[in-house]
């Protein structure tokens, strides 16, 4: 005999299960977007459209479902099975499935939260304490050439300042390719303003060491960098900033007026942030020449000369780069995985910030490998047919860099 209550039981179970699977924007989707997307997809950000409101996200819901399902977005190139970072943008399978369900269920908003959304990238939105911009707009060449310029930016600081976070804001997001911010305390570099990297006159201003040759580096995909509490970068009283900017080729009349945003430390500073740059001259298997139709791997083996608490890493290669890995071997032979990027993407480069500083004592052996692909099968190869490539600033040249920020 069939229990006459079974149909009602299964109906109620089905309703409960369906209700449990209902996904809405306010409760489920907004936290995912806030954590992983709006550091770029906001007003004034580098994303092509904002995703800061329900209307923004609902308008592009199907597109978001597609790019997250295929894992094209959010962009994150470091291998999470090798090492983890504070600013990781990686969706879990559950988060991806929630987005899919939300779209198929009609993209319901849900009950609007009375609480302010959690801000996972506060530096991206906070008002900077100091803003320094180029003295005047720079007019780019319309001849379709890559351009590298120095810009002298006086600070007129009347005291030493300690920087807990920094962001570069490109005045022309289409053509500013990357930038490097340096600090000079000699007071003798004003004449470099506007000079080309290749202008012999610029060499006159590069004879004395800079106070900080790598205050900050901005590359495609990079977001503002914040240092751990109690640490900071120092910019001395009266120092000048030098912007070294690479402009992509332009065939139209265009201008740029870029600026840097600085955020002052609001707690006592115990440690100053320094930088160590691994460069092409550190390569063990010289020369750094990538022959046409080859895919060579280059190696670095470097012994650290001081104790280092590493807070972040900035890897850098160009279009021929395929992968990069860095590993530290401590004096007691303990291996510390630093970073692995198995599929290099020139268009998505980041400063990778550790959740907690990684301590590397003096005598640590730093090992680094990078593989390049200068073959015809590399669809990103800027030259066809391939030609021999070596170090240079042009994107048709190559680099093999790893900048380590530490105290």
Protein backbone atom coordinates (compact mmCIF):
# COMPACT_ATOMS: atom_id res chain seq x y z
CA UNK A 1 0.00 0.00 0.00
CA UNK A 2 1.41 3.41 -1.02
CA UNK A 3 1.68 5.92 1.78
CA UNK A 4 -0.57 8.79 0.79
CA UNK A 5 1.75 11.24 2.56
CA UNK A 6 4.82 10.41 0.43
CA UNK A 7 3.93 12.70 -2.54
CA UNK A 8 3.47 15.64 -0.18
CA UNK A 9 6.76 14.81 1.54
CA UNK A 10 8.74 14.73 -1.71
CA UNK A 11 7.05 17.94 -2.89
CA UNK A 12 8.06 19.74 0.31
CA UNK A 13 11.59 18.30 0.04
CA UNK A 14 11.87 19.55 -3.54
CA UNK A 15 10.73 23.04 -2.55
CA UNK A 16 13.23 23.13 0.32
CA UNK A 17 16.07 21.98 -1.94
CA UNK A 18 15.18 24.49 -4.64
CA UNK A 19 14.96 27.28 -2.10
CA UNK A 20 18.35 26.29 -0.69
CA UNK A 21 19.84 26.65 -4.15
CA UNK A 22 18.43 30.13 -4.82
CA UNK A 23 21.21 32.63 -5.38
CA UNK A 24 20.86 36.41 -5.17
CA UNK A 25 23.19 39.31 -5.81
CA UNK A 26 23.30 40.91 -2.37
CA UNK A 27 24.03 37.76 -0.39
CA UNK A 28 26.08 35.65 -2.79
CA UNK A 29 27.35 37.53 -5.85
CA UNK A 30 28.31 40.95 -4.48
CA UNK A 31 30.99 39.56 -2.10
CA UNK A 32 32.57 37.64 -4.99
CA UNK A 33 32.66 40.73 -7.23
CA UNK A 34 33.96 42.98 -4.45
CA UNK A 35 36.80 40.63 -3.56
CA UNK A 36 37.95 39.71 -7.05
CA UNK A 37 36.81 42.27 -9.63
CA UNK A 38 36.26 45.85 -8.55
CA UNK A 39 39.88 46.68 -7.87
CA UNK A 40 40.02 47.09 -11.67
CA UNK A 41 36.33 47.32 -12.62
CA UNK A 42 35.46 50.63 -10.99
CA UNK A 43 35.19 54.25 -12.00
CA UNK A 44 38.68 55.36 -12.97
CA UNK A 45 39.98 51.79 -12.85
CA UNK A 46 41.71 49.86 -15.60
CA UNK A 47 38.78 47.59 -16.38
CA UNK A 48 36.75 48.59 -19.46
CA UNK A 49 33.55 48.96 -17.40
CA UNK A 50 32.59 49.27 -13.71
CA UNK A 51 31.09 46.44 -11.65
CA UNK A 52 30.41 48.38 -8.47
CA UNK A 53 26.59 48.21 -8.42
CA UNK A 54 23.89 45.61 -8.94
CA UNK A 55 22.88 47.32 -12.20
CA UNK A 56 26.48 47.13 -13.47
CA UNK A 57 26.75 43.41 -12.74
CA UNK A 58 23.23 42.49 -13.89
CA UNK A 59 23.81 44.23 -17.23
CA UNK A 60 26.77 41.97 -17.97
CA UNK A 61 25.65 38.91 -16.04
CA UNK A 62 25.83 36.43 -18.94
CA UNK A 63 29.24 37.73 -19.95
CA UNK A 64 30.52 37.43 -16.38
CA UNK A 65 29.17 33.87 -16.18
CA UNK A 66 31.07 32.96 -19.35
CA UNK A 67 34.46 34.48 -18.48
CA UNK A 68 34.41 33.08 -14.94
CA UNK A 69 33.35 29.60 -16.08
CA UNK A 70 36.22 29.50 -18.58
CA UNK A 71 38.50 31.00 -15.88
CA UNK A 72 39.55 33.81 -18.21
CA UNK A 73 38.53 36.16 -15.40
CA UNK A 74 39.58 37.15 -12.84
CA UNK A 75 43.18 37.17 -14.09
CA UNK A 76 45.65 35.51 -11.72
CA UNK A 77 48.82 33.96 -13.10
CA UNK A 78 50.70 32.68 -10.03
CA UNK A 79 50.29 28.95 -9.37
CA UNK A 80 48.34 28.57 -6.06
CA UNK A 81 49.69 25.05 -5.60
CA UNK A 82 53.21 26.55 -5.37
CA UNK A 83 52.65 29.60 -3.14
CA UNK A 84 49.84 31.83 -1.92
CA UNK A 85 49.50 35.62 -1.81
CA UNK A 86 47.36 38.15 0.01
CA UNK A 87 45.98 39.67 -3.19
CA UNK A 88 45.00 36.42 -4.88
CA UNK A 89 42.09 36.64 -7.29
CA UNK A 90 41.00 33.03 -7.67
CA UNK A 91 37.38 31.86 -7.73
CA UNK A 92 36.49 28.58 -6.05
CA UNK A 93 34.35 26.05 -7.90
CA UNK A 94 31.52 26.95 -5.52
CA UNK A 95 31.79 30.65 -6.42
CA UNK A 96 31.84 29.88 -10.14
CA UNK A 97 28.76 27.68 -9.74
CA UNK A 98 26.98 30.38 -7.75
CA UNK A 99 27.47 32.85 -10.59
CA UNK A 100 26.14 30.29 -13.09
CA UNK A 101 23.06 29.63 -10.93
CA UNK A 102 22.45 33.32 -10.36
CA UNK A 103 22.33 33.99 -14.11
CA UNK A 104 20.15 30.97 -14.95
CA UNK A 105 17.74 31.89 -12.13
CA UNK A 106 17.20 35.39 -13.53
CA UNK A 107 19.84 37.42 -11.69
CA UNK A 108 17.71 38.27 -8.66
CA UNK A 109 18.95 41.08 -6.49
CA UNK A 110 17.69 39.83 -3.13
CA UNK A 111 17.20 41.98 -0.08
CA UNK A 112 19.48 44.98 -0.20
CA UNK A 113 22.01 44.86 2.60
CA UNK A 114 21.96 47.67 5.13
CA UNK A 115 25.65 47.12 5.81
CA UNK A 116 28.40 48.65 3.74
CA UNK A 117 30.10 46.10 1.47
CA UNK A 118 33.43 44.76 2.60
CA UNK A 119 36.21 46.69 0.89
CA UNK A 120 38.92 44.22 -0.04
CA UNK A 121 41.07 46.78 -1.84
CA UNK A 122 40.71 49.90 0.30
CA UNK A 123 43.80 51.56 -1.18
CA UNK A 124 42.08 51.54 -4.57
CA UNK A 125 39.33 53.79 -3.21
CA UNK A 126 40.84 55.77 -0.35
CA UNK A 127 41.72 59.40 -0.90
CA UNK A 128 45.51 59.63 -1.22
CA UNK A 129 47.45 61.76 1.23
CA UNK A 130 49.77 63.06 -1.49
CA UNK A 131 49.39 63.29 -5.26
CA UNK A 132 52.30 64.11 -7.57
CA UNK A 133 51.73 64.46 -11.29
CA UNK A 134 53.81 65.33 -14.33
CA UNK A 135 54.53 69.04 -14.68
CA UNK A 136 52.63 69.26 -17.96
CA UNK A 137 50.91 67.04 -20.49
CA UNK A 138 53.22 65.06 -22.73
CA UNK A 139 52.24 64.77 -26.39
CA UNK A 140 52.90 61.32 -27.76
CA UNK A 141 54.36 60.77 -31.18
CA UNK A 142 51.77 59.89 -33.83
CA UNK A 143 54.38 58.02 -35.89
CA UNK A 144 53.61 54.60 -34.40
CA UNK A 145 56.86 54.24 -32.44
CA UNK A 146 57.51 52.99 -28.92
CA UNK A 147 58.49 55.87 -26.69
CA UNK A 148 60.41 55.94 -23.40
CA UNK A 149 60.48 59.17 -21.43
CA UNK A 150 61.81 60.55 -18.17
CA UNK A 151 59.71 63.07 -16.25
CA UNK A 152 61.09 65.06 -13.33
CA UNK A 153 58.46 65.64 -10.64
CA UNK A 154 59.51 67.79 -7.65
CA UNK A 155 57.75 67.02 -4.36
CA UNK A 156 58.66 70.18 -2.38
CA UNK A 157 58.26 68.09 0.76
CA UNK A 158 59.07 70.04 3.92
CA UNK A 159 59.65 66.84 5.93
CA UNK A 160 60.46 63.17 5.51
CA UNK A 161 57.38 61.09 4.69
CA UNK A 162 56.78 57.38 5.17
CA UNK A 163 54.66 55.67 2.53
CA UNK A 164 52.50 52.71 3.51
CA UNK A 165 50.89 52.29 0.06
CA UNK A 166 51.38 53.60 -3.45
CA UNK A 167 49.46 53.64 -6.71
CA UNK A 168 50.29 54.86 -10.20
CA UNK A 169 47.45 56.41 -12.18
CA UNK A 170 48.04 56.53 -15.91
CA UNK A 171 46.78 59.69 -17.53
CA UNK A 172 46.31 57.84 -20.82
CA UNK A 173 45.27 54.26 -20.11
CA UNK A 174 45.41 53.34 -23.78
CA UNK A 175 49.04 54.21 -24.40
CA UNK A 176 50.84 54.15 -21.05
CA UNK A 177 52.46 50.74 -21.24
CA UNK A 178 54.39 50.62 -17.98
CA UNK A 179 56.13 52.97 -15.59
CA UNK A 180 58.82 53.02 -12.97
CA UNK A 181 58.93 55.58 -10.17
CA UNK A 182 62.32 56.57 -8.72
CA UNK A 183 63.47 58.92 -5.94
CA UNK A 184 66.33 61.40 -6.34
CA UNK A 185 67.85 63.47 -3.53
CA UNK A 186 70.72 65.08 -5.47
CA UNK A 187 68.62 68.03 -6.60
CA UNK A 188 70.39 67.90 -9.97
CA UNK A 189 67.97 65.96 -12.20
CA UNK A 190 65.46 68.61 -13.25
CA UNK A 191 67.02 68.76 -16.72
CA UNK A 192 65.96 65.19 -17.45
CA UNK A 193 62.30 66.20 -17.64
CA UNK A 194 60.79 65.11 -20.95
CA UNK A 195 63.98 63.52 -22.31
CA UNK A 196 63.89 60.26 -24.21
CA UNK A 197 65.51 57.17 -22.70
CA UNK A 198 67.66 57.07 -25.84
CA UNK A 199 68.66 60.74 -25.79
CA UNK A 200 72.41 60.94 -24.95
CA UNK A 201 71.66 64.02 -22.84
CA UNK A 202 69.73 61.84 -20.37
CA UNK A 203 72.98 60.05 -19.45
CA UNK A 204 74.29 63.23 -17.84
CA UNK A 205 71.63 62.85 -15.14
CA UNK A 206 72.35 59.18 -14.49
CA UNK A 207 75.92 59.46 -13.19
CA UNK A 208 74.96 59.57 -9.50
CA UNK A 209 73.15 56.74 -7.69
CA UNK A 210 69.49 57.39 -6.97
CA UNK A 211 68.21 57.33 -3.42
CA UNK A 212 65.60 54.74 -4.50
CA UNK A 213 65.83 53.35 -8.01
CA UNK A 214 62.61 51.36 -7.66
CA UNK A 215 60.09 53.13 -5.45
CA UNK A 216 57.30 51.48 -7.44
CA UNK A 217 56.75 49.72 -10.74
CA UNK A 218 53.47 49.72 -12.59
CA UNK A 219 52.77 47.20 -15.33
CA UNK A 220 49.58 46.00 -17.06
CA UNK A 221 47.34 44.33 -14.51
CA UNK A 222 49.09 45.78 -11.46
CA UNK A 223 47.01 47.27 -8.66
CA UNK A 224 47.99 49.54 -5.77
CA UNK A 225 50.66 48.09 -3.48
CA UNK A 226 50.37 48.27 0.31
CA UNK A 227 53.12 47.37 2.76
CA UNK A 228 52.65 45.52 6.07
CA UNK A 229 51.69 47.62 9.09
CA UNK A 230 54.75 49.15 10.70
CA UNK A 231 56.74 49.16 7.45
CA UNK A 232 57.02 51.89 4.83
CA UNK A 233 58.98 53.39 1.98
CA UNK A 234 60.85 56.60 2.84
CA UNK A 235 60.74 59.72 0.69
CA UNK A 236 63.09 62.31 2.22
CA UNK A 237 62.40 65.99 2.63
CA UNK A 238 62.90 67.91 -0.62
CA UNK A 239 63.30 64.77 -2.73
CA UNK A 240 62.30 64.65 -6.38
CA UNK A 241 60.44 61.87 -8.14
CA UNK A 242 61.39 60.62 -11.58
CA UNK A 243 58.77 58.92 -13.72
CA UNK A 244 60.24 56.58 -16.32
CA UNK A 245 57.29 55.84 -18.63
CA UNK A 246 57.06 53.50 -21.62
CA UNK A 247 54.41 54.50 -24.16
CA UNK A 248 52.97 52.04 -26.65
CA UNK A 249 53.00 53.06 -30.35
CA UNK A 250 50.32 55.57 -31.30
CA UNK A 251 49.08 56.53 -34.76
CA UNK A 252 46.95 59.37 -33.44
CA UNK A 253 47.53 62.62 -31.61
CA UNK A 254 47.37 61.79 -27.91
CA UNK A 255 48.59 63.20 -24.60
CA UNK A 256 49.41 61.90 -21.14
CA UNK A 257 49.37 63.47 -17.69
CA UNK A 258 50.10 60.62 -15.29
CA UNK A 259 50.35 60.86 -11.53
CA UNK A 260 51.33 58.85 -8.47
CA UNK A 261 49.18 58.53 -5.35
CA UNK A 262 50.90 58.13 -1.99
CA UNK A 263 49.34 56.96 1.28
CA UNK A 264 51.14 57.88 4.49
CA UNK A 265 51.68 55.42 7.31
CA UNK A 266 49.32 56.03 10.22
CA UNK A 267 51.33 53.91 12.66
CA UNK A 268 54.94 54.20 13.86
CA UNK A 269 57.36 52.86 11.24
CA UNK A 270 59.69 50.16 12.55
CA UNK A 271 61.18 48.99 9.25
CA UNK A 272 61.93 50.67 5.93
CA UNK A 273 60.99 48.79 2.76
CA UNK A 274 63.87 48.20 0.35
CA UNK A 275 64.04 46.46 -3.02
CA UNK A 276 66.33 43.87 -4.56
CA UNK A 277 66.19 43.52 -8.34
CA UNK A 278 67.22 40.30 -10.06
CA UNK A 279 68.33 41.32 -13.54
CA UNK A 280 69.70 39.89 -16.75
CA UNK A 281 73.30 40.31 -15.56
CA UNK A 282 72.54 37.82 -12.75
CA UNK A 283 71.88 35.03 -15.26
CA UNK A 284 74.29 32.12 -14.84
CA UNK A 285 74.13 30.69 -18.37
CA UNK A 286 75.08 33.82 -20.29
CA UNK A 287 74.71 35.34 -22.80
CA UNK A 288 71.10 36.42 -22.51
CA UNK A 289 70.32 35.87 -26.19
CA UNK A 290 67.15 34.16 -27.34
CA UNK A 291 67.94 32.73 -30.74
CA UNK A 292 65.32 32.58 -33.47
CA UNK A 293 63.29 29.35 -33.48
CA UNK A 294 64.48 28.32 -30.00
CA UNK A 295 62.84 28.08 -26.56
CA UNK A 296 65.71 28.48 -24.08
CA UNK A 297 65.61 28.45 -20.30
CA UNK A 298 67.83 30.81 -18.30
CA UNK A 299 68.94 30.36 -14.71
CA UNK A 300 69.85 32.59 -11.78
CA UNK A 301 71.70 31.42 -8.66
CA UNK A 302 72.24 34.21 -6.15
CA UNK A 303 73.30 34.15 -2.50
CA UNK A 304 71.60 36.76 -0.32
CA UNK A 305 74.01 39.03 1.52
CA UNK A 306 71.65 40.07 4.30
CA UNK A 307 68.57 38.91 6.19
CA UNK A 308 65.40 39.67 4.24
CA UNK A 309 61.74 39.72 5.21
CA UNK A 310 60.16 39.57 1.76
CA UNK A 311 56.76 41.30 1.55
CA UNK A 312 56.08 41.19 -2.20
CA UNK A 313 57.41 40.16 -5.60
CA UNK A 314 57.17 41.76 -9.04
CA UNK A 315 58.18 39.47 -11.94
CA UNK A 316 58.68 40.94 -15.40
CA UNK A 317 59.24 39.59 -18.92
CA UNK A 318 58.01 40.57 -22.38
CA UNK A 319 56.07 38.75 -25.12
CA UNK A 320 58.50 35.84 -25.52
CA UNK A 321 58.25 34.92 -21.84
CA UNK A 322 56.56 31.55 -21.22
CA UNK A 323 57.16 30.72 -17.54
CA UNK A 324 59.07 31.82 -14.45
CA UNK A 325 59.79 30.14 -11.11
CA UNK A 326 61.68 31.36 -8.04
CA UNK A 327 62.71 29.18 -5.10
CA UNK A 328 64.79 29.91 -1.99
CA UNK A 329 67.02 27.36 -0.25
CA UNK A 330 67.79 28.40 3.30
CA UNK A 331 71.19 27.78 4.94
CA UNK A 332 69.67 24.72 6.70
CA UNK A 333 68.61 23.42 3.23
CA UNK A 334 64.92 24.12 3.81
CA UNK A 335 63.24 24.92 0.48
CA UNK A 336 60.89 27.92 0.36
CA UNK A 337 58.75 28.23 -2.79
CA UNK A 338 58.49 31.91 -3.69
CA UNK A 339 56.51 32.09 -6.92
CA UNK A 340 55.70 30.07 -10.02
CA UNK A 341 54.02 31.48 -13.11
CA UNK A 342 53.55 28.49 -15.46
CA UNK A 343 51.83 30.49 -18.21
CA UNK A 344 53.29 33.97 -18.48
CA UNK A 345 50.94 36.65 -19.78
CA UNK A 346 52.54 39.94 -20.72
CA UNK A 347 49.18 41.70 -20.51
CA UNK A 348 48.50 40.61 -16.92
CA UNK A 349 51.40 41.35 -14.63
CA UNK A 350 51.09 41.90 -10.89
CA UNK A 351 52.88 42.72 -7.70
CA UNK A 352 52.33 39.60 -5.63
CA UNK A 353 51.92 40.49 -1.94
CA UNK A 354 52.46 37.90 0.78
CA UNK A 355 49.95 37.54 3.60
CA UNK A 356 52.91 37.51 6.02
CA UNK A 357 56.54 38.39 5.26
CA UNK A 358 58.71 35.48 4.14
CA UNK A 359 61.95 35.41 6.13
CA UNK A 360 65.09 34.59 4.15
CA UNK A 361 68.25 34.68 6.31
CA UNK A 362 71.64 35.83 5.09
CA UNK A 363 73.26 33.08 3.05
CA UNK A 364 69.99 31.91 1.48
CA UNK A 365 70.44 30.64 -2.08
CA UNK A 366 67.93 32.20 -4.47
CA UNK A 367 67.20 30.07 -7.54
CA UNK A 368 65.23 31.41 -10.48
CA UNK A 369 64.39 30.02 -13.91
CA UNK A 370 62.63 31.59 -16.87
CA UNK A 371 61.73 30.02 -20.20
CA UNK A 372 61.18 31.95 -23.43
CA UNK A 373 59.58 30.98 -26.74
CA UNK A 374 61.07 32.64 -29.81
CA UNK A 375 59.54 30.27 -32.34
CA UNK A 376 57.12 30.77 -35.20
CA UNK A 377 54.49 28.84 -33.26
CA UNK A 378 54.38 31.51 -30.55
CA UNK A 379 51.34 33.56 -31.56
CA UNK A 380 52.52 36.43 -29.36
CA UNK A 381 55.93 36.67 -31.00
CA UNK A 382 56.19 40.34 -32.08
CA UNK A 383 58.48 39.53 -35.03
CA UNK A 384 57.71 37.32 -38.02
CA UNK A 385 59.79 35.54 -39.00
CA UNK A 386 61.49 35.34 -35.58
CA UNK A 387 64.84 37.03 -35.11
CA UNK A 388 67.49 36.79 -32.40
CA UNK A 389 66.41 38.78 -29.33
CA UNK A 390 68.35 40.07 -26.33
CA UNK A 391 67.91 42.57 -23.49
CA UNK A 392 66.19 45.86 -24.24
CA UNK A 393 63.39 48.20 -23.23
CA UNK A 394 61.31 47.78 -26.38
CA UNK A 395 58.54 45.18 -26.17
CA UNK A 396 60.22 43.52 -29.17
CA UNK A 397 63.28 43.03 -26.91
CA UNK A 398 63.26 40.92 -23.76
CA UNK A 399 63.77 41.17 -20.02
CA UNK A 400 64.10 38.70 -17.14
CA UNK A 401 63.46 40.52 -13.89
CA UNK A 402 62.23 39.77 -10.39
CA UNK A 403 61.90 42.70 -7.98
CA UNK A 404 61.73 41.70 -4.32
CA UNK A 405 60.39 44.20 -1.78
CA UNK A 406 61.69 43.48 1.71
CA UNK A 407 62.80 44.88 5.06
